[in-house]
Amino acid sequence: MRNIILLSLCLGLVACSANPQRLYQEQVVNASTPLAKTPQEALRNTSAQPMQIAPGWRPEQWKITAQEPRLLINGTPSNYRVFSVDLKAGKPFQIKVNSWCVNACLGFSKYVLVPYLILLDDESKVVGQGFGQVRGIVGVIDQDLTGQVDRNGTYYLIVAADNRNPGKQVLIDNVMVVGSSVPANGPRIQVGMGSYPFGSVAPFLVAPQ
């Protein structure tokens, strides 16, 4: 039984320690999935999923994998998904995108897909885009997209992986050490997460307009 437990632990550590740069080169750069050169072309290469509205504490997650189409972002290919949402002119909106630690954050090396966001209107005109500011804790990060639109309509959010530097540390958090021999006010250790080309994301409109 002890050997089985040790083997399971080792397999978990190996699975969570996949080299992001090698994975990016093998499964993103050298992939055969459609590669869009513009956001407009990216919209044509896949279908949009309706965005969730105020889903509560447990929004539905969508996986971004090597099977998704790719988009060139500043010359860097990235897998992506597209979501649609109805917005009203002149009314402030807030779109939040959560991204979860891959492989349940097991193992010594922890990684997360860092979203790159592009918002387009129903005429495929880009009305907002960027890498945003990463916030969160070890386990889940989030980015926000806020603003107002000029006219009522259906808008499209492209959520792509930030592949500028796979493996680069994007977040450091202080995590409490737990155990039977550790006091309640015991020490904390710094744990970081690096960027990863794949992961699970949950975009949603924070509140109905």
C-alpha atoms as a PDB file:
ATOM      1  CA  MET A   1       0.000   0.000   0.000  1.00  0.00           C
ATOM      2  CA  ARG A   2       2.852   2.371   0.885  1.00  0.00           C
ATOM      3  CA  ASN A   3       4.420   1.788  -2.538  1.00  0.00           C
ATOM      4  CA  ILE A   4       1.104   2.550  -4.241  1.00  0.00           C
ATOM      5  CA  ILE A   5       0.770   5.820  -2.348  1.00  0.00           C
ATOM      6  CA  LEU A   6       4.334   6.811  -3.201  1.00  0.00           C
ATOM      7  CA  LEU A   7       3.790   5.931  -6.867  1.00  0.00           C
ATOM      8  CA  SER A   8       0.597   8.003  -6.996  1.00  0.00           C
ATOM      9  CA  LEU A   9       2.393  10.947  -5.434  1.00  0.00           C
ATOM     10  CA  CYS A  10       5.279  10.677  -7.899  1.00  0.00           C
ATOM     11  CA  LEU A  11       2.906  10.526 -10.857  1.00  0.00           C
ATOM     12  CA  GLY A  12       1.097  13.593  -9.555  1.00  0.00           C
ATOM     13  CA  LEU A  13       4.349  15.512  -9.202  1.00  0.00           C
ATOM     14  CA  VAL A  14       5.463  14.574 -12.725  1.00  0.00           C
ATOM     15  CA  ALA A  15       2.103  15.532 -14.228  1.00  0.00           C
ATOM     16  CA  CYS A  16       2.204  18.951 -12.570  1.00  0.00           C
ATOM     17  CA  SER A  17       5.830  19.596 -13.525  1.00  0.00           C
ATOM     18  CA  ALA A  18       5.470  19.497 -17.322  1.00  0.00           C
ATOM     19  CA  ASN A  19       7.834  22.075 -18.799  1.00  0.00           C
ATOM     20  CA  PRO A  20       5.607  24.932 -20.068  1.00  0.00           C
ATOM     21  CA  GLN A  21       8.119  26.085 -22.683  1.00  0.00           C
ATOM     22  CA  ARG A  22       8.489  22.597 -24.171  1.00  0.00           C
ATOM     23  CA  LEU A  23       4.714  22.080 -24.053  1.00  0.00           C
ATOM     24  CA  TYR A  24       4.172  25.421 -25.788  1.00  0.00           C
ATOM     25  CA  GLN A  25       6.652  24.577 -28.546  1.00  0.00           C
ATOM     26  CA  GLU A  26       5.334  21.052 -29.149  1.00  0.00           C
ATOM     27  CA  GLN A  27       1.568  21.565 -28.772  1.00  0.00           C
ATOM     28  CA  VAL A  28       0.997  25.216 -29.675  1.00  0.00           C
ATOM     29  CA  VAL A  29       3.695  26.383 -32.095  1.00  0.00           C
ATOM     30  CA  ASN A  30       3.841  23.074 -33.976  1.00  0.00           C
ATOM     31  CA  ALA A  31       0.088  22.369 -33.839  1.00  0.00           C
ATOM     32  CA  SER A  32      -2.113  21.888 -36.901  1.00  0.00           C
ATOM     33  CA  THR A  33      -5.242  23.629 -35.553  1.00  0.00           C
ATOM     34  CA  PRO A  34      -6.466  26.758 -37.419  1.00  0.00           C
ATOM     35  CA  LEU A  35      -4.219  29.784 -36.856  1.00  0.00           C
ATOM     36  CA  ALA A  36      -5.910  33.182 -37.110  1.00  0.00           C
ATOM     37  CA  LYS A  37      -3.793  36.238 -37.805  1.00  0.00           C
ATOM     38  CA  THR A  38      -6.428  38.739 -36.639  1.00  0.00           C
ATOM     39  CA  PRO A  39      -9.201  38.768 -33.994  1.00  0.00           C
ATOM     40  CA  GLN A  40     -11.743  39.006 -36.817  1.00  0.00           C
ATOM     41  CA  GLU A  41     -10.447  35.799 -38.360  1.00  0.00           C
ATOM     42  CA  ALA A  42     -10.430  34.190 -34.905  1.00  0.00           C
ATOM     43  CA  LEU A  43     -14.185  34.794 -34.602  1.00  0.00           C
ATOM     44  CA  ARG A  44     -14.791  33.026 -37.914  1.00  0.00           C
ATOM     45  CA  ASN A  45     -12.729  29.984 -36.901  1.00  0.00           C
ATOM     46  CA  THR A  46     -14.946  28.920 -33.987  1.00  0.00           C
ATOM     47  CA  SER A  47     -18.386  29.354 -32.449  1.00  0.00           C
ATOM     48  CA  ALA A  48     -19.128  31.591 -29.470  1.00  0.00           C
ATOM     49  CA  GLN A  49     -20.446  30.303 -26.167  1.00  0.00           C
ATOM     50  CA  PRO A  50     -23.004  32.480 -24.308  1.00  0.00           C
ATOM     51  CA  MET A  51     -21.307  34.232 -21.413  1.00  0.00           C
ATOM     52  CA  GLN A  52     -22.590  33.534 -17.903  1.00  0.00           C
ATOM     53  CA  ILE A  53     -24.286  36.374 -16.023  1.00  0.00           C
ATOM     54  CA  ALA A  54     -23.786  36.643 -12.241  1.00  0.00           C
ATOM     55  CA  PRO A  55     -23.244  32.881 -11.831  1.00  0.00           C
ATOM     56  CA  GLY A  56     -22.470  33.010  -8.122  1.00  0.00           C
ATOM     57  CA  TRP A  57     -19.510  31.515  -6.305  1.00  0.00           C
ATOM     58  CA  ARG A  58     -19.065  28.579  -8.696  1.00  0.00           C
ATOM     59  CA  PRO A  59     -19.119  29.677 -12.355  1.00  0.00           C
ATOM     60  CA  GLU A  60     -18.940  27.087 -15.122  1.00  0.00           C
ATOM     61  CA  GLN A  61     -15.423  26.456 -16.394  1.00  0.00           C
ATOM     62  CA  TRP A  62     -14.281  26.065 -19.984  1.00  0.00           C
ATOM     63  CA  LYS A  63     -11.048  24.301 -20.898  1.00  0.00           C
ATOM     64  CA  ILE A  64      -8.524  25.844 -23.280  1.00  0.00           C
ATOM     65  CA  THR A  65      -6.523  22.937 -24.698  1.00  0.00           C
ATOM     66  CA  ALA A  66      -4.300  22.126 -27.656  1.00  0.00           C
ATOM     67  CA  GLN A  67      -7.463  21.187 -29.610  1.00  0.00           C
ATOM     68  CA  GLU A  68      -8.775  24.780 -29.650  1.00  0.00           C
ATOM     69  CA  PRO A  69      -7.958  27.081 -32.593  1.00  0.00           C
ATOM     70  CA  ARG A  70      -5.056  29.482 -32.279  1.00  0.00           C
ATOM     71  CA  LEU A  71      -4.644  33.235 -32.641  1.00  0.00           C
ATOM     72  CA  LEU A  72      -1.469  35.223 -33.241  1.00  0.00           C
ATOM     73  CA  ILE A  73      -1.107  37.794 -30.459  1.00  0.00           C
ATOM     74  CA  ASN A  74       1.817  40.130 -31.138  1.00  0.00           C
ATOM     75  CA  GLY A  75       3.308  37.333 -33.254  1.00  0.00           C
ATOM     76  CA  THR A  76       2.817  34.668 -30.564  1.00  0.00           C
ATOM     77  CA  PRO A  77       0.330  31.818 -31.203  1.00  0.00           C
ATOM     78  CA  SER A  78      -2.201  31.175 -28.443  1.00  0.00           C
ATOM     79  CA  ASN A  79      -5.143  28.809 -28.111  1.00  0.00           C
ATOM     80  CA  TYR A  80      -8.416  30.562 -27.339  1.00  0.00           C
ATOM     81  CA  ARG A  81     -12.180  30.410 -26.828  1.00  0.00           C
ATOM     82  CA  VAL A  82     -14.905  32.922 -27.715  1.00  0.00           C
ATOM     83  CA  PHE A  83     -17.867  34.045 -25.573  1.00  0.00           C
ATOM     84  CA  SER A  84     -20.807  36.272 -26.485  1.00  0.00           C
ATOM     85  CA  VAL A  85     -22.594  38.791 -24.255  1.00  0.00           C
ATOM     86  CA  ASP A  86     -25.272  41.447 -24.795  1.00  0.00           C
ATOM     87  CA  LEU A  87     -24.228  44.923 -23.590  1.00  0.00           C
ATOM     88  CA  LYS A  88     -26.212  48.167 -23.408  1.00  0.00           C
ATOM     89  CA  ALA A  89     -24.955  51.542 -24.581  1.00  0.00           C
ATOM     90  CA  GLY A  90     -23.795  53.948 -21.898  1.00  0.00           C
ATOM     91  CA  LYS A  91     -24.152  51.487 -19.037  1.00  0.00           C
ATOM     92  CA  PRO A  92     -20.968  50.455 -17.170  1.00  0.00           C
ATOM     93  CA  PHE A  93     -20.150  46.757 -17.372  1.00  0.00           C
ATOM     94  CA  GLN A  94     -17.676  44.494 -15.611  1.00  0.00           C
ATOM     95  CA  ILE A  95     -16.561  41.210 -17.101  1.00  0.00           C
ATOM     96  CA  LYS A  96     -14.500  38.970 -14.852  1.00  0.00           C
ATOM     97  CA  VAL A  97     -12.403  36.041 -16.086  1.00  0.00           C
ATOM     98  CA  ASN A  98     -11.288  33.437 -13.555  1.00  0.00           C
ATOM     99  CA  SER A  99      -8.491  31.003 -14.365  1.00  0.00           C
ATOM    100  CA  TRP A 100      -7.690  27.941 -12.236  1.00  0.00           C
ATOM    101  CA  CYS A 101      -4.390  26.328 -11.330  1.00  0.00           C
ATOM    102  CA  VAL A 102      -3.743  23.365 -13.649  1.00  0.00           C
ATOM    103  CA  ASN A 103      -3.891  19.796 -12.339  1.00  0.00           C
ATOM    104  CA  ALA A 104      -5.551  20.945  -9.090  1.00  0.00           C
ATOM    105  CA  CYS A 105      -2.275  22.643  -8.050  1.00  0.00           C
ATOM    106  CA  LEU A 106      -0.696  19.317  -7.056  1.00  0.00           C
ATOM    107  CA  GLY A 107       3.067  18.970  -7.025  1.00  0.00           C
ATOM    108  CA  PHE A 108       5.913  21.400  -6.430  1.00  0.00           C
ATOM    109  CA  SER A 109       5.528  23.373  -9.677  1.00  0.00           C
ATOM    110  CA  LYS A 110       2.224  25.241  -9.947  1.00  0.00           C
ATOM    111  CA  TYR A 111       0.969  26.787 -13.178  1.00  0.00           C
ATOM    112  CA  VAL A 112      -2.021  28.729 -14.436  1.00  0.00           C
ATOM    113  CA  LEU A 113      -3.258  29.997 -17.795  1.00  0.00           C
ATOM    114  CA  VAL A 114      -2.989  33.793 -17.799  1.00  0.00           C
ATOM    115  CA  PRO A 115      -5.809  35.200 -19.965  1.00  0.00           C
ATOM    116  CA  TYR A 116      -5.344  37.712 -22.756  1.00  0.00           C
ATOM    117  CA  LEU A 117      -8.687  39.414 -23.422  1.00  0.00           C
ATOM    118  CA  ILE A 118     -10.051  40.908 -26.653  1.00  0.00           C
ATOM    119  CA  LEU A 119     -13.564  42.417 -26.822  1.00  0.00           C
ATOM    120  CA  LEU A 120     -15.157  42.926 -30.244  1.00  0.00           C
ATOM    121  CA  ASP A 121     -18.531  44.365 -31.297  1.00  0.00           C
ATOM    122  CA  ASP A 122     -21.018  42.731 -33.663  1.00  0.00           C
ATOM    123  CA  GLU A 123     -19.132  44.246 -36.610  1.00  0.00           C
ATOM    124  CA  SER A 124     -15.909  42.568 -35.456  1.00  0.00           C
ATOM    125  CA  LYS A 125     -14.339  45.868 -34.431  1.00  0.00           C
ATOM    126  CA  VAL A 126     -11.970  45.607 -31.460  1.00  0.00           C
ATOM    127  CA  VAL A 127     -13.241  47.807 -28.625  1.00  0.00           C
ATOM    128  CA  GLY A 128     -10.850  46.646 -25.907  1.00  0.00           C
ATOM    129  CA  GLN A 129      -7.925  44.287 -25.397  1.00  0.00           C
ATOM    130  CA  GLY A 130      -4.963  43.582 -23.162  1.00  0.00           C
ATOM    131  CA  PHE A 131      -3.186  41.298 -20.728  1.00  0.00           C
ATOM    132  CA  GLY A 132      -4.642  43.084 -17.714  1.00  0.00           C
ATOM    133  CA  GLN A 133      -3.344  42.856 -14.155  1.00  0.00           C
ATOM    134  CA  VAL A 134      -3.131  39.423 -12.578  1.00  0.00           C
ATOM    135  CA  ARG A 135      -4.820  39.195  -9.172  1.00  0.00           C
ATOM    136  CA  GLY A 136      -5.752  36.277  -6.960  1.00  0.00           C
ATOM    137  CA  ILE A 137      -4.240  33.570  -4.808  1.00  0.00           C
ATOM    138  CA  VAL A 138      -2.497  30.266  -5.399  1.00  0.00           C
ATOM    139  CA  GLY A 139      -5.253  28.176  -6.942  1.00  0.00           C
ATOM    140  CA  VAL A 140      -7.142  30.772  -8.965  1.00  0.00           C
ATOM    141  CA  ILE A 141      -6.428  34.152 -10.563  1.00  0.00           C
ATOM    142  CA  ASP A 142      -8.762  36.657 -12.162  1.00  0.00           C
ATOM    143  CA  GLN A 143      -8.727  39.565 -14.562  1.00  0.00           C
ATOM    144  CA  ASP A 144     -11.371  42.240 -15.088  1.00  0.00           C
ATOM    145  CA  LEU A 145     -12.539  44.051 -18.193  1.00  0.00           C
ATOM    146  CA  THR A 146     -14.601  47.160 -17.408  1.00  0.00           C
ATOM    147  CA  GLY A 147     -16.010  50.065 -19.371  1.00  0.00           C
ATOM    148  CA  GLN A 148     -18.952  51.225 -21.468  1.00  0.00           C
ATOM    149  CA  VAL A 149     -19.968  50.573 -25.064  1.00  0.00           C
ATOM    150  CA  ASP A 150     -21.335  53.089 -27.539  1.00  0.00           C
ATOM    151  CA  ARG A 151     -24.329  51.088 -28.725  1.00  0.00           C
ATOM    152  CA  ASN A 152     -26.546  48.174 -27.782  1.00  0.00           C
ATOM    153  CA  GLY A 153     -25.591  44.852 -29.258  1.00  0.00           C
ATOM    154  CA  THR A 154     -23.942  41.476 -28.950  1.00  0.00           C
ATOM    155  CA  TYR A 155     -20.242  41.636 -28.128  1.00  0.00           C
ATOM    156  CA  TYR A 156     -17.647  38.893 -28.355  1.00  0.00           C
ATOM    157  CA  LEU A 157     -14.899  38.187 -25.845  1.00  0.00           C
ATOM    158  CA  ILE A 158     -11.844  36.249 -26.993  1.00  0.00           C
ATOM    159  CA  VAL A 159     -10.062  34.587 -24.064  1.00  0.00           C
ATOM    160  CA  ALA A 160      -6.594  33.437 -25.114  1.00  0.00           C
ATOM    161  CA  ALA A 161      -3.535  32.173 -23.267  1.00  0.00           C
ATOM    162  CA  ASP A 162      -0.738  34.638 -22.551  1.00  0.00           C
ATOM    163  CA  ASN A 163       2.169  32.785 -24.158  1.00  0.00           C
ATOM    164  CA  ARG A 164       4.711  35.586 -24.166  1.00  0.00           C
ATOM    165  CA  ASN A 165       6.916  33.736 -21.692  1.00  0.00           C
ATOM    166  CA  PRO A 166       5.637  30.245 -20.759  1.00  0.00           C
ATOM    167  CA  GLY A 167       6.633  29.286 -17.234  1.00  0.00           C
ATOM    168  CA  LYS A 168       7.280  32.863 -16.081  1.00  0.00           C
ATOM    169  CA  GLN A 169       6.123  33.474 -12.521  1.00  0.00           C
ATOM    170  CA  VAL A 170       2.909  35.504 -12.531  1.00  0.00           C
ATOM    171  CA  LEU A 171       1.820  35.376  -8.883  1.00  0.00           C
ATOM    172  CA  ILE A 172       3.382  34.874  -5.447  1.00  0.00           C
ATOM    173  CA  ASP A 173       1.196  34.131  -2.438  1.00  0.00           C
ATOM    174  CA  ASN A 174       1.858  33.517   1.271  1.00  0.00           C
ATOM    175  CA  VAL A 175       0.501  30.079   2.166  1.00  0.00           C
ATOM    176  CA  MET A 176       0.072  28.797   5.718  1.00  0.00           C
ATOM    177  CA  VAL A 177       1.938  25.632   6.656  1.00  0.00           C
ATOM    178  CA  VAL A 178      -0.480  23.068   8.089  1.00  0.00           C
ATOM    179  CA  GLY A 179       0.075  19.863  10.030  1.00  0.00           C
ATOM    180  CA  SER A 180      -0.484  18.224  13.391  1.00  0.00           C
ATOM    181  CA  SER A 181       2.735  19.629  14.824  1.00  0.00           C
ATOM    182  CA  VAL A 182       2.327  23.157  13.429  1.00  0.00           C
ATOM    183  CA  PRO A 183       0.754  25.795  15.717  1.00  0.00           C
ATOM    184  CA  ALA A 184      -2.296  27.730  14.549  1.00  0.00           C
ATOM    185  CA  ASN A 185      -0.189  30.875  14.166  1.00  0.00           C
ATOM    186  CA  GLY A 186       2.584  28.930  12.458  1.00  0.00           C
ATOM    187  CA  PRO A 187       4.864  30.140   9.679  1.00  0.00           C
ATOM    188  CA  ARG A 188       3.833  30.914   6.130  1.00  0.00           C
ATOM    189  CA  ILE A 189       5.789  30.119   2.991  1.00  0.00           C
ATOM    190  CA  GLN A 190       5.827  31.889  -0.354  1.00  0.00           C
ATOM    191  CA  VAL A 191       4.352  29.854  -3.204  1.00  0.00           C
ATOM    192  CA  GLY A 192       4.292  31.059  -6.791  1.00  0.00           C
ATOM    193  CA  MET A 193       2.480  30.128  -9.988  1.00  0.00           C
ATOM    194  CA  GLY A 194       3.939  30.272 -13.481  1.00  0.00           C
ATOM    195  CA  SER A 195       2.154  30.889 -16.789  1.00  0.00           C
ATOM    196  CA  TYR A 196       0.898  27.874 -18.739  1.00  0.00           C
ATOM    197  CA  PRO A 197      -0.409  27.545 -22.326  1.00  0.00           C
ATOM    198  CA  PHE A 198      -3.510  25.552 -21.299  1.00  0.00           C
ATOM    199  CA  GLY A 199      -6.020  25.665 -18.457  1.00  0.00           C
ATOM    200  CA  SER A 200      -9.617  26.252 -17.350  1.00  0.00           C
ATOM    201  CA  VAL A 201     -11.296  29.660 -17.507  1.00  0.00           C
ATOM    202  CA  ALA A 202     -14.654  31.100 -16.491  1.00  0.00           C
ATOM    203  CA  PRO A 203     -15.665  34.435 -18.063  1.00  0.00           C
ATOM    204  CA  PHE A 204     -18.841  36.039 -16.735  1.00  0.00           C
ATOM    205  CA  LEU A 205     -20.695  39.337 -16.584  1.00  0.00           C
ATOM    206  CA  VAL A 206     -20.590  40.332 -12.921  1.00  0.00           C
ATOM    207  CA  ALA A 207     -24.150  41.722 -12.796  1.00  0.00           C
ATOM    208  CA  PRO A 208     -27.059  42.146 -15.223  1.00  0.00           C
ATOM    209  CA  GLN A 209     -27.163  45.558 -16.850  1.00  0.00           C
END
